Amino acid sequence: MPVRLLANDGKELKLRIEGEGNSTLQMFRSRLNDHPDVEYANFFTGHPDLDDPELYLRVKDGKDASKLISDICSSIVEDFSNMKI
């Protein structure tokens, strides 16, 4: 899953997630919005045939958006690693 950094000013982060759909981005949005340090998180799909979806994150003052998204990614990886089928 290639990820392109579109904007990062510390408090706000905008990422383009290449080749992913609503399911992946919904998982990120849900976990981010449940986090107490997040002010706002959402994703935008754009045109389904032309645009890769973008994830937008804004955190509370004094928090680091890059660290938070990294922590969320680690938590998702851990959850899937512990899954038994």
PDB file of N, CA and C in Angstrom:
ATOM      1  N   MET A   1       0.844  -1.160   0.000  1.00  0.00           N
ATOM      2  CA  MET A   1       0.000   0.000   0.000  1.00  0.00           C
ATOM      3  C   MET A   1       0.901   1.238   0.000  1.00  0.00           C
ATOM      4  N   PRO A   2       1.197   1.795  -1.153  1.00  0.00           N
ATOM      5  CA  PRO A   2       1.992   3.026  -1.199  1.00  0.00           C
ATOM      6  C   PRO A   2       1.217   4.200  -0.603  1.00  0.00           C
ATOM      7  N   VAL A   3       1.923   5.000   0.186  1.00  0.00           N
ATOM      8  CA  VAL A   3       1.319   6.167   0.827  1.00  0.00           C
ATOM      9  C   VAL A   3       2.150   7.384   0.458  1.00  0.00           C
ATOM     10  N   ARG A   4       1.463   8.439   0.006  1.00  0.00           N
ATOM     11  CA  ARG A   4       2.154   9.689  -0.318  1.00  0.00           C
ATOM     12  C   ARG A   4       1.747  10.759   0.688  1.00  0.00           C
ATOM     13  N   LEU A   5       2.725  11.433   1.203  1.00  0.00           N
ATOM     14  CA  LEU A   5       2.480  12.536   2.114  1.00  0.00           C
ATOM     15  C   LEU A   5       2.164  13.784   1.293  1.00  0.00           C
ATOM     16  N   LEU A   6       0.960  14.319   1.477  1.00  0.00           N
ATOM     17  CA  LEU A   6       0.549  15.516   0.739  1.00  0.00           C
ATOM     18  C   LEU A   6       0.742  16.780   1.559  1.00  0.00           C
ATOM     19  N   ALA A   7       0.546  16.674   2.868  1.00  0.00           N
ATOM     20  CA  ALA A   7       0.713  17.838   3.747  1.00  0.00           C
ATOM     21  C   ALA A   7       0.965  17.359   5.168  1.00  0.00           C
ATOM     22  N   ASN A   8       1.850  18.085   5.865  1.00  0.00           N
ATOM     23  CA  ASN A   8       2.119  17.781   7.268  1.00  0.00           C
ATOM     24  C   ASN A   8       2.624  19.055   7.940  1.00  0.00           C
ATOM     25  N   ASP A   9       1.810  19.613   8.817  1.00  0.00           N
ATOM     26  CA  ASP A   9       2.264  20.795   9.554  1.00  0.00           C
ATOM     27  C   ASP A   9       2.336  20.515  11.049  1.00  0.00           C
ATOM     28  N   GLY A  10       2.411  19.243  11.402  1.00  0.00           N
ATOM     29  CA  GLY A  10       2.499  18.854  12.807  1.00  0.00           C
ATOM     30  C   GLY A  10       1.145  18.513  13.386  1.00  0.00           C
ATOM     31  N   LYS A  11       0.204  19.433  13.269  1.00  0.00           N
ATOM     32  CA  LYS A  11      -1.140  19.232  13.810  1.00  0.00           C
ATOM     33  C   LYS A  11      -2.080  18.607  12.776  1.00  0.00           C
ATOM     34  N   GLU A  12      -1.804  18.835  11.495  1.00  0.00           N
ATOM     35  CA  GLU A  12      -2.647  18.314  10.422  1.00  0.00           C
ATOM     36  C   GLU A  12      -1.803  17.474   9.464  1.00  0.00           C
ATOM     37  N   LEU A  13      -2.430  16.411   8.982  1.00  0.00           N
ATOM     38  CA  LEU A  13      -1.743  15.474   8.104  1.00  0.00           C
ATOM     39  C   LEU A  13      -2.701  15.085   6.986  1.00  0.00           C
ATOM     40  N   LYS A  14      -2.199  15.075   5.757  1.00  0.00           N
ATOM     41  CA  LYS A  14      -3.002  14.650   4.612  1.00  0.00           C
ATOM     42  C   LYS A  14      -2.190  13.639   3.829  1.00  0.00           C
ATOM     43  N   LEU A  15      -2.749  12.441   3.661  1.00  0.00           N
ATOM     44  CA  LEU A  15      -2.061  11.338   2.992  1.00  0.00           C
ATOM     45  C   LEU A  15      -2.879  10.849   1.809  1.00  0.00           C
ATOM     46  N   ARG A  16      -2.206  10.460   0.739  1.00  0.00           N
ATOM     47  CA  ARG A  16      -2.875   9.782  -0.382  1.00  0.00           C
ATOM     48  C   ARG A  16      -2.500   8.307  -0.280  1.00  0.00           C
ATOM     49  N   ILE A  17      -3.518   7.464  -0.175  1.00  0.00           N
ATOM     50  CA  ILE A  17      -3.323   6.022  -0.010  1.00  0.00           C
ATOM     51  C   ILE A  17      -3.616   5.370  -1.357  1.00  0.00           C
ATOM     52  N   GLU A  18      -2.590   4.916  -2.037  1.00  0.00           N
ATOM     53  CA  GLU A  18      -2.745   4.393  -3.390  1.00  0.00           C
ATOM     54  C   GLU A  18      -3.263   2.958  -3.394  1.00  0.00           C
ATOM     55  N   GLY A  19      -4.233   2.705  -4.251  1.00  0.00           N
ATOM     56  CA  GLY A  19      -4.727   1.348  -4.468  1.00  0.00           C
ATOM     57  C   GLY A  19      -5.635   0.809  -3.377  1.00  0.00           C
ATOM     58  N   GLU A  20      -6.090   1.632  -2.479  1.00  0.00           N
ATOM     59  CA  GLU A  20      -6.963   1.170  -1.398  1.00  0.00           C
ATOM     60  C   GLU A  20      -8.370   1.712  -1.593  1.00  0.00           C
ATOM     61  N   GLY A  21      -9.307   1.071  -0.932  1.00  0.00           N
ATOM     62  CA  GLY A  21     -10.710   1.469  -1.054  1.00  0.00           C
ATOM     63  C   GLY A  21     -11.289   1.898   0.274  1.00  0.00           C
ATOM     64  N   ASN A  22     -12.603   1.967   0.289  1.00  0.00           N
ATOM     65  CA  ASN A  22     -13.317   2.454   1.465  1.00  0.00           C
ATOM     66  C   ASN A  22     -13.088   1.611   2.713  1.00  0.00           C
ATOM     67  N   SER A  23     -12.948   0.309   2.568  1.00  0.00           N
ATOM     68  CA  SER A  23     -12.808  -0.561   3.747  1.00  0.00           C
ATOM     69  C   SER A  23     -11.570  -0.211   4.567  1.00  0.00           C
ATOM     70  N   THR A  24     -10.447  -0.073   3.906  1.00  0.00           N
ATOM     71  CA  THR A  24      -9.200   0.264   4.599  1.00  0.00           C
ATOM     72  C   THR A  24      -9.287   1.646   5.228  1.00  0.00           C
ATOM     73  N   LEU A  25      -9.763   2.606   4.454  1.00  0.00           N
ATOM     74  CA  LEU A  25      -9.826   3.979   4.957  1.00  0.00           C
ATOM     75  C   LEU A  25     -10.849   4.138   6.066  1.00  0.00           C
ATOM     76  N   GLN A  26     -11.944   3.387   5.997  1.00  0.00           N
ATOM     77  CA  GLN A  26     -12.940   3.432   7.065  1.00  0.00           C
ATOM     78  C   GLN A  26     -12.351   2.902   8.377  1.00  0.00           C
ATOM     79  N   MET A  27     -11.517   1.878   8.277  1.00  0.00           N
ATOM     80  CA  MET A  27     -10.871   1.342   9.473  1.00  0.00           C
ATOM     81  C   MET A  27      -9.977   2.410  10.117  1.00  0.00           C
ATOM     82  N   PHE A  28      -9.199   3.108   9.309  1.00  0.00           N
ATOM     83  CA  PHE A  28      -8.365   4.185   9.842  1.00  0.00           C
ATOM     84  C   PHE A  28      -9.223   5.304  10.427  1.00  0.00           C
ATOM     85  N   ARG A  29     -10.236   5.737   9.695  1.00  0.00           N
ATOM     86  CA  ARG A  29     -11.076   6.841  10.161  1.00  0.00           C
ATOM     87  C   ARG A  29     -11.756   6.489  11.480  1.00  0.00           C
ATOM     88  N   SER A  30     -12.280   5.301  11.584  1.00  0.00           N
ATOM     89  CA  SER A  30     -12.962   4.871  12.803  1.00  0.00           C
ATOM     90  C   SER A  30     -12.020   4.875  14.000  1.00  0.00           C
ATOM     91  N   ARG A  31     -10.840   4.300  13.832  1.00  0.00           N
ATOM     92  CA  ARG A  31      -9.879   4.252  14.944  1.00  0.00           C
ATOM     93  C   ARG A  31      -9.359   5.637  15.298  1.00  0.00           C
ATOM     94  N   LEU A  32      -9.132   6.451  14.297  1.00  0.00           N
ATOM     95  CA  LEU A  32      -8.660   7.811  14.562  1.00  0.00           C
ATOM     96  C   LEU A  32      -9.716   8.625  15.303  1.00  0.00           C
ATOM     97  N   ASN A  33     -10.961   8.558  14.859  1.00  0.00           N
ATOM     98  CA  ASN A  33     -12.011   9.341  15.511  1.00  0.00           C
ATOM     99  C   ASN A  33     -12.306   8.861  16.928  1.00  0.00           C
ATOM    100  N   ASP A  34     -11.974   7.621  17.234  1.00  0.00           N
ATOM    101  CA  ASP A  34     -12.137   7.108  18.603  1.00  0.00           C
ATOM    102  C   ASP A  34     -11.010   7.546  19.531  1.00  0.00           C
ATOM    103  N   HIS A  35      -9.920   8.037  18.970  1.00  0.00           N
ATOM    104  CA  HIS A  35      -8.756   8.420  19.773  1.00  0.00           C
ATOM    105  C   HIS A  35      -9.006   9.785  20.429  1.00  0.00           C
ATOM    106  N   PRO A  36      -8.689   9.927  21.705  1.00  0.00           N
ATOM    107  CA  PRO A  36      -8.978  11.184  22.413  1.00  0.00           C
ATOM    108  C   PRO A  36      -8.169  12.393  21.937  1.00  0.00           C
ATOM    109  N   ASP A  37      -7.043  12.179  21.248  1.00  0.00           N
ATOM    110  CA  ASP A  37      -6.210  13.292  20.783  1.00  0.00           C
ATOM    111  C   ASP A  37      -6.617  13.819  19.408  1.00  0.00           C
ATOM    112  N   VAL A  38      -7.611  13.207  18.779  1.00  0.00           N
ATOM    113  CA  VAL A  38      -8.018  13.585  17.428  1.00  0.00           C
ATOM    114  C   VAL A  38      -9.182  14.570  17.469  1.00  0.00           C
ATOM    115  N   GLU A  39      -9.019  15.681  16.750  1.00  0.00           N
ATOM    116  CA  GLU A  39     -10.115  16.631  16.582  1.00  0.00           C
ATOM    117  C   GLU A  39     -11.008  16.220  15.418  1.00  0.00           C
ATOM    118  N   TYR A  40     -10.386  15.746  14.330  1.00  0.00           N
ATOM    119  CA  TYR A  40     -11.140  15.430  13.122  1.00  0.00           C
ATOM    120  C   TYR A  40     -10.335  14.455  12.276  1.00  0.00           C
ATOM    121  N   ALA A  41     -11.012  13.455  11.745  1.00  0.00           N
ATOM    122  CA  ALA A  41     -10.390  12.533  10.792  1.00  0.00           C
ATOM    123  C   ALA A  41     -11.448  12.117   9.778  1.00  0.00           C
ATOM    124  N   ASN A  42     -11.070  12.095   8.514  1.00  0.00           N
ATOM    125  CA  ASN A  42     -11.992  11.693   7.467  1.00  0.00           C
ATOM    126  C   ASN A  42     -11.187  11.284   6.244  1.00  0.00           C
ATOM    127  N   PHE A  43     -11.866  10.639   5.298  1.00  0.00           N
ATOM    128  CA  PHE A  43     -11.222  10.325   4.036  1.00  0.00           C
ATOM    129  C   PHE A  43     -12.110  10.789   2.894  1.00  0.00           C
ATOM    130  N   PHE A  44     -11.462  11.049   1.779  1.00  0.00           N
ATOM    131  CA  PHE A  44     -12.147  11.549   0.593  1.00  0.00           C
ATOM    132  C   PHE A  44     -11.748  10.674  -0.580  1.00  0.00           C
ATOM    133  N   THR A  45     -12.728  10.128  -1.268  1.00  0.00           N
ATOM    134  CA  THR A  45     -12.437   9.170  -2.329  1.00  0.00           C
ATOM    135  C   THR A  45     -12.190   9.815  -3.682  1.00  0.00           C
ATOM    136  N   GLY A  46     -12.745  10.976  -3.948  1.00  0.00           N
ATOM    137  CA  GLY A  46     -12.590  11.582  -5.261  1.00  0.00           C
ATOM    138  C   GLY A  46     -13.283  10.744  -6.328  1.00  0.00           C
ATOM    139  N   HIS A  47     -12.828  10.850  -7.547  1.00  0.00           N
ATOM    140  CA  HIS A  47     -13.408  10.083  -8.649  1.00  0.00           C
ATOM    141  C   HIS A  47     -12.906   8.644  -8.574  1.00  0.00           C
ATOM    142  N   PRO A  48     -13.803   7.654  -8.619  1.00  0.00           N
ATOM    143  CA  PRO A  48     -13.377   6.256  -8.425  1.00  0.00           C
ATOM    144  C   PRO A  48     -12.396   5.724  -9.471  1.00  0.00           C
ATOM    145  N   ASP A  49     -12.438   6.251 -10.693  1.00  0.00           N
ATOM    146  CA  ASP A  49     -11.535   5.764 -11.734  1.00  0.00           C
ATOM    147  C   ASP A  49     -10.274   6.608 -11.891  1.00  0.00           C
ATOM    148  N   LEU A  50     -10.278   7.807 -11.341  1.00  0.00           N
ATOM    149  CA  LEU A  50      -9.172   8.718 -11.592  1.00  0.00           C
ATOM    150  C   LEU A  50      -8.330   9.053 -10.369  1.00  0.00           C
ATOM    151  N   ASP A  51      -8.923   9.011  -9.179  1.00  0.00           N
ATOM    152  CA  ASP A  51      -8.244   9.504  -7.983  1.00  0.00           C
ATOM    153  C   ASP A  51      -8.015   8.399  -6.956  1.00  0.00           C
ATOM    154  N   ASP A  52      -6.863   8.457  -6.324  1.00  0.00           N
ATOM    155  CA  ASP A  52      -6.635   7.615  -5.153  1.00  0.00           C
ATOM    156  C   ASP A  52      -7.217   8.342  -3.947  1.00  0.00           C
ATOM    157  N   PRO A  53      -7.748   7.604  -2.973  1.00  0.00           N
ATOM    158  CA  PRO A  53      -8.357   8.254  -1.808  1.00  0.00           C
ATOM    159  C   PRO A  53      -7.322   8.958  -0.938  1.00  0.00           C
ATOM    160  N   GLU A  54      -7.807   9.967  -0.222  1.00  0.00           N
ATOM    161  CA  GLU A  54      -6.950  10.741   0.673  1.00  0.00           C
ATOM    162  C   GLU A  54      -7.496  10.680   2.091  1.00  0.00           C
ATOM    163  N   LEU A  55      -6.603  10.577   3.048  1.00  0.00           N
ATOM    164  CA  LEU A  55      -6.946  10.549   4.462  1.00  0.00           C
ATOM    165  C   LEU A  55      -6.482  11.852   5.088  1.00  0.00           C
ATOM    166  N   TYR A  56      -7.384  12.502   5.816  1.00  0.00           N
ATOM    167  CA  TYR A  56      -7.078  13.777   6.460  1.00  0.00           C
ATOM    168  C   TYR A  56      -7.198  13.605   7.967  1.00  0.00           C
ATOM    169  N   LEU A  57      -6.241  14.145   8.701  1.00  0.00           N
ATOM    170  CA  LEU A  57      -6.212  14.026  10.155  1.00  0.00           C
ATOM    171  C   LEU A  57      -5.824  15.366  10.768  1.00  0.00           C
ATOM    172  N   ARG A  58      -6.579  15.790  11.781  1.00  0.00           N
ATOM    173  CA  ARG A  58      -6.216  16.981  12.567  1.00  0.00           C
ATOM    174  C   ARG A  58      -6.273  16.577  14.041  1.00  0.00           C
ATOM    175  N   VAL A  59      -5.191  16.856  14.761  1.00  0.00           N
ATOM    176  CA  VAL A  59      -5.097  16.488  16.172  1.00  0.00           C
ATOM    177  C   VAL A  59      -5.203  17.732  17.050  1.00  0.00           C
ATOM    178  N   LYS A  60      -5.384  17.502  18.331  1.00  0.00           N
ATOM    179  CA  LYS A  60      -5.490  18.597  19.291  1.00  0.00           C
ATOM    180  C   LYS A  60      -4.146  19.290  19.462  1.00  0.00           C
ATOM    181  N   ASP A  61      -4.194  20.520  19.962  1.00  0.00           N
ATOM    182  CA  ASP A  61      -2.971  21.297  20.189  1.00  0.00           C
ATOM    183  C   ASP A  61      -1.994  20.520  21.062  1.00  0.00           C
ATOM    184  N   GLY A  62      -0.730  20.571  20.693  1.00  0.00           N
ATOM    185  CA  GLY A  62       0.320  19.905  21.467  1.00  0.00           C
ATOM    186  C   GLY A  62       0.530  18.447  21.101  1.00  0.00           C
ATOM    187  N   LYS A  63      -0.270  17.914  20.191  1.00  0.00           N
ATOM    188  CA  LYS A  63      -0.144  16.512  19.769  1.00  0.00           C
ATOM    189  C   LYS A  63       0.482  16.459  18.385  1.00  0.00           C
ATOM    190  N   ASP A  64       1.070  15.323  18.035  1.00  0.00           N
ATOM    191  CA  ASP A  64       1.773  15.155  16.764  1.00  0.00           C
ATOM    192  C   ASP A  64       0.993  14.185  15.869  1.00  0.00           C
ATOM    193  N   ALA A  65       0.489  14.688  14.746  1.00  0.00           N
ATOM    194  CA  ALA A  65      -0.324  13.879  13.838  1.00  0.00           C
ATOM    195  C   ALA A  65       0.470  12.704  13.259  1.00  0.00           C
ATOM    196  N   SER A  66       1.735  12.913  12.935  1.00  0.00           N
ATOM    197  CA  SER A  66       2.563  11.833  12.367  1.00  0.00           C
ATOM    198  C   SER A  66       2.737  10.689  13.357  1.00  0.00           C
ATOM    199  N   LYS A  67       2.997  11.021  14.594  1.00  0.00           N
ATOM    200  CA  LYS A  67       3.162   9.989  15.618  1.00  0.00           C
ATOM    201  C   LYS A  67       1.848   9.244  15.834  1.00  0.00           C
ATOM    202  N   LEU A  68       0.749   9.970  15.840  1.00  0.00           N
ATOM    203  CA  LEU A  68      -0.550   9.346  16.071  1.00  0.00           C
ATOM    204  C   LEU A  68      -0.902   8.372  14.951  1.00  0.00           C
ATOM    205  N   ILE A  69      -0.688   8.763  13.692  1.00  0.00           N
ATOM    206  CA  ILE A  69      -1.005   7.854  12.585  1.00  0.00           C
ATOM    207  C   ILE A  69      -0.085   6.635  12.620  1.00  0.00           C
ATOM    208  N   SER A  70       1.151   6.829  13.018  1.00  0.00           N
ATOM    209  CA  SER A  70       2.077   5.710  13.155  1.00  0.00           C
ATOM    210  C   SER A  70       1.612   4.744  14.248  1.00  0.00           C
ATOM    211  N   ASP A  71       1.159   5.295  15.367  1.00  0.00           N
ATOM    212  CA  ASP A  71       0.643   4.452  16.459  1.00  0.00           C
ATOM    213  C   ASP A  71      -0.601   3.676  16.026  1.00  0.00           C
ATOM    214  N   ILE A  72      -1.482   4.328  15.273  1.00  0.00           N
ATOM    215  CA  ILE A  72      -2.698   3.661  14.788  1.00  0.00           C
ATOM    216  C   ILE A  72      -2.324   2.540  13.828  1.00  0.00           C
ATOM    217  N   CYS A  73      -1.369   2.787  12.935  1.00  0.00           N
ATOM    218  CA  CYS A  73      -0.904   1.740  12.004  1.00  0.00           C
ATOM    219  C   CYS A  73      -0.354   0.543  12.773  1.00  0.00           C
ATOM    220  N   SER A  74       0.448   0.805  13.782  1.00  0.00           N
ATOM    221  CA  SER A  74       1.013  -0.281  14.596  1.00  0.00           C
ATOM    222  C   SER A  74      -0.090  -1.080  15.278  1.00  0.00           C
ATOM    223  N   SER A  75      -1.097  -0.404  15.764  1.00  0.00           N
ATOM    224  CA  SER A  75      -2.203  -1.088  16.444  1.00  0.00           C
ATOM    225  C   SER A  75      -2.992  -1.963  15.470  1.00  0.00           C
ATOM    226  N   ILE A  76      -3.183  -1.483  14.236  1.00  0.00           N
ATOM    227  CA  ILE A  76      -3.893  -2.275  13.224  1.00  0.00           C
ATOM    228  C   ILE A  76      -3.075  -3.505  12.850  1.00  0.00           C
ATOM    229  N   VAL A  77      -1.772  -3.331  12.647  1.00  0.00           N
ATOM    230  CA  VAL A  77      -0.897  -4.462  12.328  1.00  0.00           C
ATOM    231  C   VAL A  77      -0.944  -5.490  13.449  1.00  0.00           C
ATOM    232  N   GLU A  78      -0.889  -5.043  14.680  1.00  0.00           N
ATOM    233  CA  GLU A  78      -0.935  -5.950  15.826  1.00  0.00           C
ATOM    234  C   GLU A  78      -2.253  -6.718  15.874  1.00  0.00           C
ATOM    235  N   ASP A  79      -3.352  -6.022  15.643  1.00  0.00           N
ATOM    236  CA  ASP A  79      -4.661  -6.689  15.660  1.00  0.00           C
ATOM    237  C   ASP A  79      -4.755  -7.774  14.595  1.00  0.00           C
ATOM    238  N   PHE A  80      -4.255  -7.487  13.388  1.00  0.00           N
ATOM    239  CA  PHE A  80      -4.288  -8.488  12.328  1.00  0.00           C
ATOM    240  C   PHE A  80      -3.284  -9.601  12.571  1.00  0.00           C
ATOM    241  N   SER A  81      -2.166  -9.315  13.211  1.00  0.00           N
ATOM    242  CA  SER A  81      -1.172 -10.340  13.516  1.00  0.00           C
ATOM    243  C   SER A  81      -1.701 -11.343  14.531  1.00  0.00           C
ATOM    244  N   ASN A  82      -2.559 -10.867  15.419  1.00  0.00           N
ATOM    245  CA  ASN A  82      -3.108 -11.732  16.470  1.00  0.00           C
ATOM    246  C   ASN A  82      -4.369 -12.476  16.033  1.00  0.00           C
ATOM    247  N   MET A  83      -4.840 -12.211  14.827  1.00  0.00           N
ATOM    248  CA  MET A  83      -6.060 -12.852  14.346  1.00  0.00           C
ATOM    249  C   MET A  83      -5.795 -14.330  14.039  1.00  0.00           C
ATOM    250  N   LYS A  84      -6.725 -15.149  14.456  1.00  0.00           N
ATOM    251  CA  LYS A  84      -6.617 -16.589  14.159  1.00  0.00           C
ATOM    252  C   LYS A  84      -7.812 -17.011  13.328  1.00  0.00           C
ATOM    253  N   ILE A  85      -7.516 -17.750  12.275  1.00  0.00           N
ATOM    254  CA  ILE A  85      -8.588 -18.215  11.390  1.00  0.00           C
ATOM    255  C   ILE A  85      -8.687 -19.700  11.473  1.00  0.00           C
TER     256      ILE A  85
END
